[in-house]
Amino acid sequence: MSRTTGAALPLVPAHEERLPPARVAPGGVLVRSGVPYAALPGARPLELDLWLPPAETAAPAPVVVFLHGGGWRLGSRHRLGPAFAEYSPTPFERVAQAGLAVAAIDYRLSGEAPWPAQLHDAKAAVRWLRARADALGIDAERVAAWGESAGGHLAALLGLTHDDPVLEGEVGITGFPSHVCSVVAWYPPTDLLAIADDLGVDPLTAHTREAELLGAAPCTVASLARQASPVAQVTPAAPPFLLLHGAADRFVPPAQSERLNSALREAGVDVELRLYEDADHMWLGSDPAARQALERTVAFLRHHLTATDPRS
């Protein structure tokens, strides 16, 4: 019996892989966990978890791509911040019960790959959802992005960079669009060149989250930092935005959301900014802020995703 060595095993395209079985969560929500959406040679598979509205809900359902926080260097798709750890049903189950599918994705962290790999992965997930829309029971025309912190940064860029081939990447399935029709960003970094000044730290330090993402302090790679900054990517073609931020945020100052809000308004984009008094990063210190942010997010997404149903 002989064995060939040195040859790479063929990768099964993510759009052809068999979907894992669904389980039923509270309220009839269907959950598919650990669904691969892209395969990268020499790297961990990129996976997502999918929450689908109850079977009796009219299909196909709009879908929201959720991107986790963690400073681009940690975190996973499994959690929506500590403020929601005891929620039952979970926040994703609540969104699905409201008639919206949720695809919570993992993406490569800054220790695994530098910018723009994270955005390439997010765009790959959107393309995969569109490619598998019929099999999943979701609407390929109604896709939104929602993220917290670093994930909010990526969600914003999903809404602002759909026509940039450099930021599109070639991860996973190609040939499908990666645009989204609305964005919710919780306490997002939006201006990587200004965040050190906003925080009052040395802009030349190489140990910030932004420096680890870009491979160098943002001020030393200004063009790359601008490419990675939502405030520098705003155009009048941007979709509606909802920006939610704690007024007492010590990690991503609210000025970051305020700056993006101003840029979007100046471009004539539909945008809403809400600051929550006494709320720190991840809504710490204010349980009412966490609850209100989730309620406002669901209302915003329902409004923009159901109002744009192409069949209505």
C-alpha atoms as a PDB file:
ATOM      1  CA  MET A   1       0.000   0.000   0.000  1.00  0.00           C
ATOM      2  CA  SER A   2       1.549   3.293  -1.085  1.00  0.00           C
ATOM      3  CA  ARG A   3       0.833   6.791   0.108  1.00  0.00           C
ATOM      4  CA  THR A   4       1.419  10.077  -1.684  1.00  0.00           C
ATOM      5  CA  THR A   5       3.270  12.636   0.403  1.00  0.00           C
ATOM      6  CA  GLY A   6       3.721  16.354  -0.013  1.00  0.00           C
ATOM      7  CA  ALA A   7       0.363  16.927  -1.711  1.00  0.00           C
ATOM      8  CA  ALA A   8      -2.223  19.238  -0.167  1.00  0.00           C
ATOM      9  CA  LEU A   9      -5.607  17.716   0.532  1.00  0.00           C
ATOM     10  CA  PRO A  10      -8.368  19.267  -1.550  1.00  0.00           C
ATOM     11  CA  LEU A  11     -10.622  21.662   0.326  1.00  0.00           C
ATOM     12  CA  VAL A  12     -14.363  21.172   0.040  1.00  0.00           C
ATOM     13  CA  PRO A  13     -15.898  24.528  -0.974  1.00  0.00           C
ATOM     14  CA  ALA A  14     -17.872  25.965   1.944  1.00  0.00           C
ATOM     15  CA  HIS A  15     -20.958  26.464  -0.223  1.00  0.00           C
ATOM     16  CA  GLU A  16     -21.023  22.718  -0.945  1.00  0.00           C
ATOM     17  CA  GLU A  17     -20.477  21.426   2.589  1.00  0.00           C
ATOM     18  CA  ARG A  18     -23.384  19.707   4.303  1.00  0.00           C
ATOM     19  CA  LEU A  19     -25.036  21.885   6.912  1.00  0.00           C
ATOM     20  CA  PRO A  20     -24.915  20.631  10.513  1.00  0.00           C
ATOM     21  CA  PRO A  21     -28.271  19.571  11.941  1.00  0.00           C
ATOM     22  CA  ALA A  22     -30.450  22.193  13.576  1.00  0.00           C
ATOM     23  CA  ARG A  23     -31.558  22.130  17.199  1.00  0.00           C
ATOM     24  CA  VAL A  24     -34.627  23.835  18.586  1.00  0.00           C
ATOM     25  CA  ALA A  25     -34.029  26.637  21.088  1.00  0.00           C
ATOM     26  CA  PRO A  26     -36.602  28.443  23.275  1.00  0.00           C
ATOM     27  CA  GLY A  27     -39.529  29.895  21.388  1.00  0.00           C
ATOM     28  CA  GLY A  28     -39.075  27.543  18.445  1.00  0.00           C
ATOM     29  CA  VAL A  29     -35.875  29.215  17.214  1.00  0.00           C
ATOM     30  CA  LEU A  30     -33.752  26.890  15.052  1.00  0.00           C
ATOM     31  CA  VAL A  31     -30.001  26.924  15.696  1.00  0.00           C
ATOM     32  CA  ARG A  32     -27.206  25.579  13.511  1.00  0.00           C
ATOM     33  CA  SER A  33     -23.848  25.707  15.309  1.00  0.00           C
ATOM     34  CA  GLY A  34     -20.350  25.502  13.912  1.00  0.00           C
ATOM     35  CA  VAL A  35     -21.257  26.052  10.270  1.00  0.00           C
ATOM     36  CA  PRO A  36     -18.076  26.506   8.146  1.00  0.00           C
ATOM     37  CA  TYR A  37     -18.282  29.455   5.785  1.00  0.00           C
ATOM     38  CA  ALA A  38     -14.709  29.471   4.473  1.00  0.00           C
ATOM     39  CA  ALA A  39     -11.647  27.214   4.531  1.00  0.00           C
ATOM     40  CA  LEU A  40      -8.155  28.679   4.622  1.00  0.00           C
ATOM     41  CA  PRO A  41      -5.098  26.453   4.008  1.00  0.00           C
ATOM     42  CA  GLY A  42      -2.973  26.286   7.136  1.00  0.00           C
ATOM     43  CA  ALA A  43      -5.531  28.092   9.296  1.00  0.00           C
ATOM     44  CA  ARG A  44      -8.532  27.163  11.410  1.00  0.00           C
ATOM     45  CA  PRO A  45     -11.838  26.901   9.546  1.00  0.00           C
ATOM     46  CA  LEU A  46     -13.949  30.033   9.673  1.00  0.00           C
ATOM     47  CA  GLU A  47     -17.306  29.199  11.230  1.00  0.00           C
ATOM     48  CA  LEU A  48     -20.576  30.827  12.136  1.00  0.00           C
ATOM     49  CA  ASP A  49     -23.602  30.006  14.273  1.00  0.00           C
ATOM     50  CA  LEU A  50     -26.995  30.606  12.737  1.00  0.00           C
ATOM     51  CA  TRP A  51     -30.233  31.394  14.575  1.00  0.00           C
ATOM     52  CA  LEU A  52     -33.352  31.124  12.419  1.00  0.00           C
ATOM     53  CA  PRO A  53     -36.856  32.365  13.287  1.00  0.00           C
ATOM     54  CA  PRO A  54     -39.460  29.777  14.305  1.00  0.00           C
ATOM     55  CA  ALA A  55     -40.738  27.608  11.475  1.00  0.00           C
ATOM     56  CA  GLU A  56     -44.140  29.288  11.446  1.00  0.00           C
ATOM     57  CA  THR A  57     -42.497  32.658  10.665  1.00  0.00           C
ATOM     58  CA  ALA A  58     -42.821  33.687   7.044  1.00  0.00           C
ATOM     59  CA  ALA A  59     -39.696  32.729   5.107  1.00  0.00           C
ATOM     60  CA  PRO A  60     -37.260  33.657   3.767  1.00  0.00           C
ATOM     61  CA  ALA A  61     -36.098  35.702   6.751  1.00  0.00           C
ATOM     62  CA  PRO A  62     -33.855  38.771   6.720  1.00  0.00           C
ATOM     63  CA  VAL A  63     -30.455  38.023   8.221  1.00  0.00           C
ATOM     64  CA  VAL A  64     -28.178  39.991  10.532  1.00  0.00           C
ATOM     65  CA  VAL A  65     -24.436  39.266  10.536  1.00  0.00           C
ATOM     66  CA  PHE A  66     -23.099  39.690  14.084  1.00  0.00           C
ATOM     67  CA  LEU A  67     -19.396  40.424  14.675  1.00  0.00           C
ATOM     68  CA  HIS A  68     -17.986  39.988  18.183  1.00  0.00           C
ATOM     69  CA  GLY A  69     -15.725  42.370  20.053  1.00  0.00           C
ATOM     70  CA  GLY A  70     -12.376  41.824  21.749  1.00  0.00           C
ATOM     71  CA  GLY A  71     -10.033  44.439  20.321  1.00  0.00           C
ATOM     72  CA  TRP A  72      -9.487  42.321  17.187  1.00  0.00           C
ATOM     73  CA  ARG A  73      -7.222  40.076  19.299  1.00  0.00           C
ATOM     74  CA  LEU A  74      -9.618  37.905  21.310  1.00  0.00           C
ATOM     75  CA  GLY A  75     -13.298  37.018  21.620  1.00  0.00           C
ATOM     76  CA  SER A  76     -15.545  34.624  19.752  1.00  0.00           C
ATOM     77  CA  ARG A  77     -18.917  34.350  18.086  1.00  0.00           C
ATOM     78  CA  HIS A  78     -20.407  32.639  21.141  1.00  0.00           C
ATOM     79  CA  ARG A  79     -20.828  35.697  23.347  1.00  0.00           C
ATOM     80  CA  LEU A  80     -22.453  39.117  23.191  1.00  0.00           C
ATOM     81  CA  GLY A  81     -20.628  40.780  26.073  1.00  0.00           C
ATOM     82  CA  PRO A  82     -20.883  40.082  29.815  1.00  0.00           C
ATOM     83  CA  ALA A  83     -23.977  42.259  30.293  1.00  0.00           C
ATOM     84  CA  PHE A  84     -26.053  39.577  28.557  1.00  0.00           C
ATOM     85  CA  ALA A  85     -24.538  36.478  30.175  1.00  0.00           C
ATOM     86  CA  GLU A  86     -27.694  35.706  32.179  1.00  0.00           C
ATOM     87  CA  TYR A  87     -30.228  36.566  29.491  1.00  0.00           C
ATOM     88  CA  SER A  88     -32.757  33.837  28.745  1.00  0.00           C
ATOM     89  CA  PRO A  89     -33.699  33.695  25.961  1.00  0.00           C
ATOM     90  CA  THR A  90     -30.288  34.835  24.762  1.00  0.00           C
ATOM     91  CA  PRO A  91     -30.019  38.065  22.747  1.00  0.00           C
ATOM     92  CA  PHE A  92     -29.630  36.111  19.488  1.00  0.00           C
ATOM     93  CA  GLU A  93     -32.695  34.019  20.310  1.00  0.00           C
ATOM     94  CA  ARG A  94     -34.638  37.206  20.986  1.00  0.00           C
ATOM     95  CA  VAL A  95     -33.652  38.642  17.621  1.00  0.00           C
ATOM     96  CA  ALA A  96     -34.700  35.404  15.893  1.00  0.00           C
ATOM     97  CA  GLN A  97     -38.007  35.418  17.767  1.00  0.00           C
ATOM     98  CA  ALA A  98     -38.540  38.893  16.288  1.00  0.00           C
ATOM     99  CA  GLY A  99     -38.375  37.374  12.791  1.00  0.00           C
ATOM    100  CA  LEU A 100     -34.727  38.069  11.921  1.00  0.00           C
ATOM    101  CA  ALA A 101     -32.087  35.403  11.387  1.00  0.00           C
ATOM    102  CA  VAL A 102     -28.716  35.980  13.084  1.00  0.00           C
ATOM    103  CA  ALA A 103     -25.384  34.722  11.763  1.00  0.00           C
ATOM    104  CA  ALA A 104     -22.736  35.177  14.468  1.00  0.00           C
ATOM    105  CA  ILE A 105     -19.342  34.753  12.845  1.00  0.00           C
ATOM    106  CA  ASP A 106     -15.767  34.182  13.861  1.00  0.00           C
ATOM    107  CA  TYR A 107     -13.033  36.002  11.977  1.00  0.00           C
ATOM    108  CA  ARG A 108      -9.253  35.869  12.121  1.00  0.00           C
ATOM    109  CA  LEU A 109      -7.801  37.764  15.069  1.00  0.00           C
ATOM    110  CA  SER A 110      -4.855  40.138  14.852  1.00  0.00           C
ATOM    111  CA  GLY A 111      -2.502  37.479  16.245  1.00  0.00           C
ATOM    112  CA  GLU A 112      -3.492  35.190  13.370  1.00  0.00           C
ATOM    113  CA  ALA A 113      -3.397  37.652  10.483  1.00  0.00           C
ATOM    114  CA  PRO A 114      -2.985  41.421  10.054  1.00  0.00           C
ATOM    115  CA  TRP A 115      -5.470  43.876   8.653  1.00  0.00           C
ATOM    116  CA  PRO A 116      -7.428  43.612   6.329  1.00  0.00           C
ATOM    117  CA  ALA A 117      -7.890  39.853   6.920  1.00  0.00           C
ATOM    118  CA  GLN A 118     -10.638  40.542   9.464  1.00  0.00           C
ATOM    119  CA  LEU A 119     -12.740  42.470   6.958  1.00  0.00           C
ATOM    120  CA  HIS A 120     -11.996  39.927   4.233  1.00  0.00           C
ATOM    121  CA  ASP A 121     -13.467  37.253   6.513  1.00  0.00           C
ATOM    122  CA  ALA A 122     -16.559  39.312   7.319  1.00  0.00           C
ATOM    123  CA  LYS A 123     -17.208  39.899   3.643  1.00  0.00           C
ATOM    124  CA  ALA A 124     -16.691  36.204   2.949  1.00  0.00           C
ATOM    125  CA  ALA A 125     -19.395  35.392   5.500  1.00  0.00           C
ATOM    126  CA  VAL A 126     -21.858  37.745   3.786  1.00  0.00           C
ATOM    127  CA  ARG A 127     -21.098  36.183   0.401  1.00  0.00           C
ATOM    128  CA  TRP A 128     -21.518  32.677   1.852  1.00  0.00           C
ATOM    129  CA  LEU A 129     -24.915  33.570   3.313  1.00  0.00           C
ATOM    130  CA  ARG A 130     -26.050  34.827  -0.066  1.00  0.00           C
ATOM    131  CA  ALA A 131     -24.735  31.716  -1.812  1.00  0.00           C
ATOM    132  CA  ARG A 132     -26.590  29.424   0.635  1.00  0.00           C
ATOM    133  CA  ALA A 133     -29.668  31.609   1.094  1.00  0.00           C
ATOM    134  CA  ASP A 134     -32.151  29.151  -0.408  1.00  0.00           C
ATOM    135  CA  ALA A 135     -30.860  26.215   1.628  1.00  0.00           C
ATOM    136  CA  LEU A 136     -30.841  28.272   4.819  1.00  0.00           C
ATOM    137  CA  GLY A 137     -34.230  29.889   4.375  1.00  0.00           C
ATOM    138  CA  ILE A 138     -32.900  33.453   4.449  1.00  0.00           C
ATOM    139  CA  ASP A 139     -33.360  36.419   2.145  1.00  0.00           C
ATOM    140  CA  ALA A 140     -30.219  37.250   0.175  1.00  0.00           C
ATOM    141  CA  GLU A 141     -31.521  40.762  -0.525  1.00  0.00           C
ATOM    142  CA  ARG A 142     -31.987  41.716   3.132  1.00  0.00           C
ATOM    143  CA  VAL A 143     -28.670  41.429   4.966  1.00  0.00           C
ATOM    144  CA  ALA A 144     -27.589  43.729   7.800  1.00  0.00           C
ATOM    145  CA  ALA A 145     -24.443  43.991   9.940  1.00  0.00           C
ATOM    146  CA  TRP A 146     -24.290  44.360  13.728  1.00  0.00           C
ATOM    147  CA  GLY A 147     -21.205  44.383  15.893  1.00  0.00           C
ATOM    148  CA  GLU A 148     -19.794  45.449  19.229  1.00  0.00           C
ATOM    149  CA  SER A 149     -16.463  47.222  19.773  1.00  0.00           C
ATOM    150  CA  ALA A 150     -13.972  45.757  17.253  1.00  0.00           C
ATOM    151  CA  GLY A 151     -16.924  43.947  15.702  1.00  0.00           C
ATOM    152  CA  GLY A 152     -18.752  47.275  15.463  1.00  0.00           C
ATOM    153  CA  HIS A 153     -15.758  48.630  13.568  1.00  0.00           C
ATOM    154  CA  LEU A 154     -15.994  45.719  11.112  1.00  0.00           C
ATOM    155  CA  ALA A 155     -19.781  46.042  10.834  1.00  0.00           C
ATOM    156  CA  ALA A 156     -19.367  49.710   9.933  1.00  0.00           C
ATOM    157  CA  LEU A 157     -16.821  48.838   7.270  1.00  0.00           C
ATOM    158  CA  LEU A 158     -19.160  46.210   5.813  1.00  0.00           C
ATOM    159  CA  GLY A 159     -21.581  49.072   5.271  1.00  0.00           C
ATOM    160  CA  LEU A 160     -19.008  51.456   3.810  1.00  0.00           C
ATOM    161  CA  THR A 161     -16.619  49.475   1.587  1.00  0.00           C
ATOM    162  CA  HIS A 162     -18.694  47.238  -0.647  1.00  0.00           C
ATOM    163  CA  ASP A 163     -17.177  48.670  -3.843  1.00  0.00           C
ATOM    164  CA  ASP A 164     -13.494  48.421  -2.847  1.00  0.00           C
ATOM    165  CA  PRO A 165     -11.813  45.385  -4.484  1.00  0.00           C
ATOM    166  CA  VAL A 166      -8.745  45.662  -2.215  1.00  0.00           C
ATOM    167  CA  LEU A 167     -10.901  45.254   0.881  1.00  0.00           C
ATOM    168  CA  GLU A 168     -13.147  42.613  -0.688  1.00  0.00           C
ATOM    169  CA  GLY A 169     -10.481  39.912  -0.554  1.00  0.00           C
ATOM    170  CA  GLU A 170     -10.681  36.417  -2.014  1.00  0.00           C
ATOM    171  CA  VAL A 171     -11.581  34.419   1.080  1.00  0.00           C
ATOM    172  CA  GLY A 172     -14.227  31.752   0.630  1.00  0.00           C
ATOM    173  CA  ILE A 173     -16.904  32.079  -2.013  1.00  0.00           C
ATOM    174  CA  THR A 174     -16.543  34.793  -4.631  1.00  0.00           C
ATOM    175  CA  GLY A 175     -19.011  35.985  -7.214  1.00  0.00           C
ATOM    176  CA  PHE A 176     -21.624  37.189  -4.717  1.00  0.00           C
ATOM    177  CA  PRO A 177     -21.968  40.735  -3.363  1.00  0.00           C
ATOM    178  CA  SER A 178     -20.886  41.579   0.193  1.00  0.00           C
ATOM    179  CA  HIS A 179     -22.871  44.781   0.728  1.00  0.00           C
ATOM    180  CA  VAL A 180     -25.290  45.181   3.641  1.00  0.00           C
ATOM    181  CA  CYS A 181     -28.434  47.295   3.750  1.00  0.00           C
ATOM    182  CA  SER A 182     -28.157  48.604   7.338  1.00  0.00           C
ATOM    183  CA  VAL A 183     -25.587  48.726  10.152  1.00  0.00           C
ATOM    184  CA  VAL A 184     -25.739  48.694  13.949  1.00  0.00           C
ATOM    185  CA  ALA A 185     -22.459  49.463  15.713  1.00  0.00           C
ATOM    186  CA  TRP A 186     -22.078  49.359  19.489  1.00  0.00           C
ATOM    187  CA  TYR A 187     -19.160  51.451  20.876  1.00  0.00           C
ATOM    188  CA  PRO A 188     -17.046  51.035  17.707  1.00  0.00           C
ATOM    189  CA  PRO A 189     -13.532  52.338  17.021  1.00  0.00           C
ATOM    190  CA  THR A 190     -14.040  54.485  13.933  1.00  0.00           C
ATOM    191  CA  ASP A 191     -10.926  56.667  13.595  1.00  0.00           C
ATOM    192  CA  LEU A 192      -7.758  54.673  14.206  1.00  0.00           C
ATOM    193  CA  LEU A 193      -5.502  57.707  13.742  1.00  0.00           C
ATOM    194  CA  ALA A 194      -7.267  59.620  16.521  1.00  0.00           C
ATOM    195  CA  ILE A 195      -7.990  56.946  19.103  1.00  0.00           C
ATOM    196  CA  ALA A 196      -4.639  57.310  20.915  1.00  0.00           C
ATOM    197  CA  ASP A 197      -5.268  61.037  21.382  1.00  0.00           C
ATOM    198  CA  ASP A 198      -8.842  60.320  22.448  1.00  0.00           C
ATOM    199  CA  LEU A 199      -7.488  57.978  25.121  1.00  0.00           C
ATOM    200  CA  GLY A 200      -4.570  60.196  26.082  1.00  0.00           C
ATOM    201  CA  VAL A 201      -1.892  57.580  25.344  1.00  0.00           C
ATOM    202  CA  ASP A 202       1.368  57.785  23.408  1.00  0.00           C
ATOM    203  CA  PRO A 203       0.435  57.438  19.714  1.00  0.00           C
ATOM    204  CA  LEU A 204       3.793  55.774  18.996  1.00  0.00           C
ATOM    205  CA  THR A 205       3.247  52.786  21.260  1.00  0.00           C
ATOM    206  CA  ALA A 206       3.238  49.485  19.424  1.00  0.00           C
ATOM    207  CA  HIS A 207       1.193  47.702  22.080  1.00  0.00           C
ATOM    208  CA  THR A 208      -2.255  49.123  21.464  1.00  0.00           C
ATOM    209  CA  ARG A 209      -5.022  47.031  19.939  1.00  0.00           C
ATOM    210  CA  GLU A 210      -4.924  49.219  16.848  1.00  0.00           C
ATOM    211  CA  ALA A 211      -1.171  48.778  16.439  1.00  0.00           C
ATOM    212  CA  GLU A 212      -1.510  45.004  16.755  1.00  0.00           C
ATOM    213  CA  LEU A 213      -4.222  45.047  14.100  1.00  0.00           C
ATOM    214  CA  LEU A 214      -2.215  47.150  11.633  1.00  0.00           C
ATOM    215  CA  GLY A 215       1.236  45.785  12.480  1.00  0.00           C
ATOM    216  CA  ALA A 216       2.507  49.191  13.633  1.00  0.00           C
ATOM    217  CA  ALA A 217       1.357  52.267  15.498  1.00  0.00           C
ATOM    218  CA  PRO A 218      -1.383  53.887  13.374  1.00  0.00           C
ATOM    219  CA  CYS A 219       0.446  57.207  13.096  1.00  0.00           C
ATOM    220  CA  THR A 220       3.416  55.437  11.474  1.00  0.00           C
ATOM    221  CA  VAL A 221       1.223  53.727   8.851  1.00  0.00           C
ATOM    222  CA  ALA A 222      -1.239  56.543   8.262  1.00  0.00           C
ATOM    223  CA  SER A 223      -2.538  55.386   4.888  1.00  0.00           C
ATOM    224  CA  LEU A 224      -3.240  51.906   6.266  1.00  0.00           C
ATOM    225  CA  ALA A 225      -4.901  53.392   9.353  1.00  0.00           C
ATOM    226  CA  ARG A 226      -7.150  55.537   7.157  1.00  0.00           C
ATOM    227  CA  GLN A 227      -8.066  52.486   5.079  1.00  0.00           C
ATOM    228  CA  ALA A 228      -9.111  50.746   8.290  1.00  0.00           C
ATOM    229  CA  SER A 229     -11.059  53.735   9.655  1.00  0.00           C
ATOM    230  CA  PRO A 230     -14.806  53.945   8.977  1.00  0.00           C
ATOM    231  CA  VAL A 231     -14.723  57.761   9.203  1.00  0.00           C
ATOM    232  CA  ALA A 232     -12.448  57.805   6.148  1.00  0.00           C
ATOM    233  CA  GLN A 233     -14.701  55.481   4.134  1.00  0.00           C
ATOM    234  CA  VAL A 234     -17.980  57.396   4.366  1.00  0.00           C
ATOM    235  CA  THR A 235     -19.836  58.162   1.122  1.00  0.00           C
ATOM    236  CA  PRO A 236     -23.422  59.251   0.379  1.00  0.00           C
ATOM    237  CA  ALA A 237     -24.098  55.658  -0.734  1.00  0.00           C
ATOM    238  CA  ALA A 238     -23.773  54.314   2.822  1.00  0.00           C
ATOM    239  CA  PRO A 239     -26.787  52.439   4.264  1.00  0.00           C
ATOM    240  CA  PRO A 240     -28.664  53.565   7.396  1.00  0.00           C
ATOM    241  CA  PHE A 241     -26.585  53.448  10.607  1.00  0.00           C
ATOM    242  CA  LEU A 242     -27.433  53.098  14.287  1.00  0.00           C
ATOM    243  CA  LEU A 243     -24.570  54.018  16.614  1.00  0.00           C
ATOM    244  CA  LEU A 244     -24.901  53.185  20.331  1.00  0.00           C
ATOM    245  CA  HIS A 245     -22.191  54.104  22.833  1.00  0.00           C
ATOM    246  CA  GLY A 246     -21.681  54.438  26.576  1.00  0.00           C
ATOM    247  CA  ALA A 247     -20.964  58.025  27.572  1.00  0.00           C
ATOM    248  CA  ALA A 248     -18.552  56.725  30.246  1.00  0.00           C
ATOM    249  CA  ASP A 249     -16.654  54.339  27.926  1.00  0.00           C
ATOM    250  CA  ARG A 250     -13.002  54.203  29.038  1.00  0.00           C
ATOM    251  CA  PHE A 251     -11.748  51.894  26.269  1.00  0.00           C
ATOM    252  CA  VAL A 252     -13.330  53.341  23.124  1.00  0.00           C
ATOM    253  CA  PRO A 253     -14.208  56.968  23.875  1.00  0.00           C
ATOM    254  CA  PRO A 254     -17.669  58.112  22.690  1.00  0.00           C
ATOM    255  CA  ALA A 255     -15.910  60.678  20.499  1.00  0.00           C
ATOM    256  CA  GLN A 256     -15.246  57.788  18.112  1.00  0.00           C
ATOM    257  CA  SER A 257     -18.969  57.249  17.491  1.00  0.00           C
ATOM    258  CA  GLU A 258     -19.607  60.990  17.476  1.00  0.00           C
ATOM    259  CA  ARG A 259     -16.997  61.441  14.760  1.00  0.00           C
ATOM    260  CA  LEU A 260     -18.580  58.775  12.545  1.00  0.00           C
ATOM    261  CA  ASN A 261     -22.026  60.196  13.209  1.00  0.00           C
ATOM    262  CA  SER A 262     -20.855  63.629  12.011  1.00  0.00           C
ATOM    263  CA  ALA A 263     -19.234  62.204   8.878  1.00  0.00           C
ATOM    264  CA  LEU A 264     -22.370  60.241   7.977  1.00  0.00           C
ATOM    265  CA  ARG A 265     -24.621  63.247   8.561  1.00  0.00           C
ATOM    266  CA  GLU A 266     -22.420  65.464   6.410  1.00  0.00           C
ATOM    267  CA  ALA A 267     -22.721  62.873   3.621  1.00  0.00           C
ATOM    268  CA  GLY A 268     -26.518  62.882   3.907  1.00  0.00           C
ATOM    269  CA  VAL A 269     -26.710  59.334   5.307  1.00  0.00           C
ATOM    270  CA  ASP A 270     -29.577  58.229   7.569  1.00  0.00           C
ATOM    271  CA  VAL A 271     -27.856  57.866  10.964  1.00  0.00           C
ATOM    272  CA  GLU A 272     -28.902  57.811  14.602  1.00  0.00           C
ATOM    273  CA  LEU A 273     -26.498  58.184  17.532  1.00  0.00           C
ATOM    274  CA  ARG A 274     -27.520  57.391  21.094  1.00  0.00           C
ATOM    275  CA  LEU A 275     -25.216  57.870  24.101  1.00  0.00           C
ATOM    276  CA  TYR A 276     -26.054  56.143  27.391  1.00  0.00           C
ATOM    277  CA  GLU A 277     -25.096  57.986  30.556  1.00  0.00           C
ATOM    278  CA  ASP A 278     -23.028  56.065  33.150  1.00  0.00           C
ATOM    279  CA  ALA A 279     -22.443  53.153  30.742  1.00  0.00           C
ATOM    280  CA  ASP A 280     -18.852  52.003  30.320  1.00  0.00           C
ATOM    281  CA  HIS A 281     -17.537  49.744  27.558  1.00  0.00           C
ATOM    282  CA  MET A 282     -19.726  46.656  26.977  1.00  0.00           C
ATOM    283  CA  TRP A 283     -22.500  48.511  28.886  1.00  0.00           C
ATOM    284  CA  LEU A 284     -20.722  47.781  32.169  1.00  0.00           C
ATOM    285  CA  GLY A 285     -22.140  49.774  35.044  1.00  0.00           C
ATOM    286  CA  SER A 286     -25.570  50.187  33.484  1.00  0.00           C
ATOM    287  CA  ASP A 287     -27.928  47.247  33.099  1.00  0.00           C
ATOM    288  CA  PRO A 288     -30.651  49.584  31.741  1.00  0.00           C
ATOM    289  CA  ALA A 289     -28.291  50.703  28.962  1.00  0.00           C
ATOM    290  CA  ALA A 290     -27.662  47.095  27.900  1.00  0.00           C
ATOM    291  CA  ARG A 291     -31.373  46.311  27.831  1.00  0.00           C
ATOM    292  CA  GLN A 292     -32.276  49.516  25.998  1.00  0.00           C
ATOM    293  CA  ALA A 293     -29.462  49.057  23.480  1.00  0.00           C
ATOM    294  CA  LEU A 294     -30.689  45.569  22.611  1.00  0.00           C
ATOM    295  CA  GLU A 295     -34.299  46.742  22.305  1.00  0.00           C
ATOM    296  CA  ARG A 296     -33.318  49.693  20.102  1.00  0.00           C
ATOM    297  CA  THR A 297     -31.142  47.424  17.966  1.00  0.00           C
ATOM    298  CA  VAL A 298     -33.966  44.951  17.321  1.00  0.00           C
ATOM    299  CA  ALA A 299     -36.402  47.768  16.520  1.00  0.00           C
ATOM    300  CA  PHE A 300     -33.923  49.409  14.112  1.00  0.00           C
ATOM    301  CA  LEU A 301     -33.139  46.158  12.322  1.00  0.00           C
ATOM    302  CA  ARG A 302     -36.782  45.173  12.036  1.00  0.00           C
ATOM    303  CA  HIS A 303     -37.670  48.571  10.634  1.00  0.00           C
ATOM    304  CA  HIS A 304     -34.959  48.623   7.994  1.00  0.00           C
ATOM    305  CA  LEU A 305     -34.997  44.944   7.055  1.00  0.00           C
ATOM    306  CA  THR A 306     -38.752  44.408   6.878  1.00  0.00           C
ATOM    307  CA  ALA A 307     -39.489  47.780   5.312  1.00  0.00           C
ATOM    308  CA  THR A 308     -37.138  46.947   2.434  1.00  0.00           C
ATOM    309  CA  ASP A 309     -38.684  43.579   1.573  1.00  0.00           C
ATOM    310  CA  PRO A 310     -38.399  43.495  -2.244  1.00  0.00           C
ATOM    311  CA  ARG A 311     -41.532  41.349  -2.472  1.00  0.00           C
ATOM    312  CA  SER A 312     -43.753  43.825  -0.596  1.00  0.00           C
END
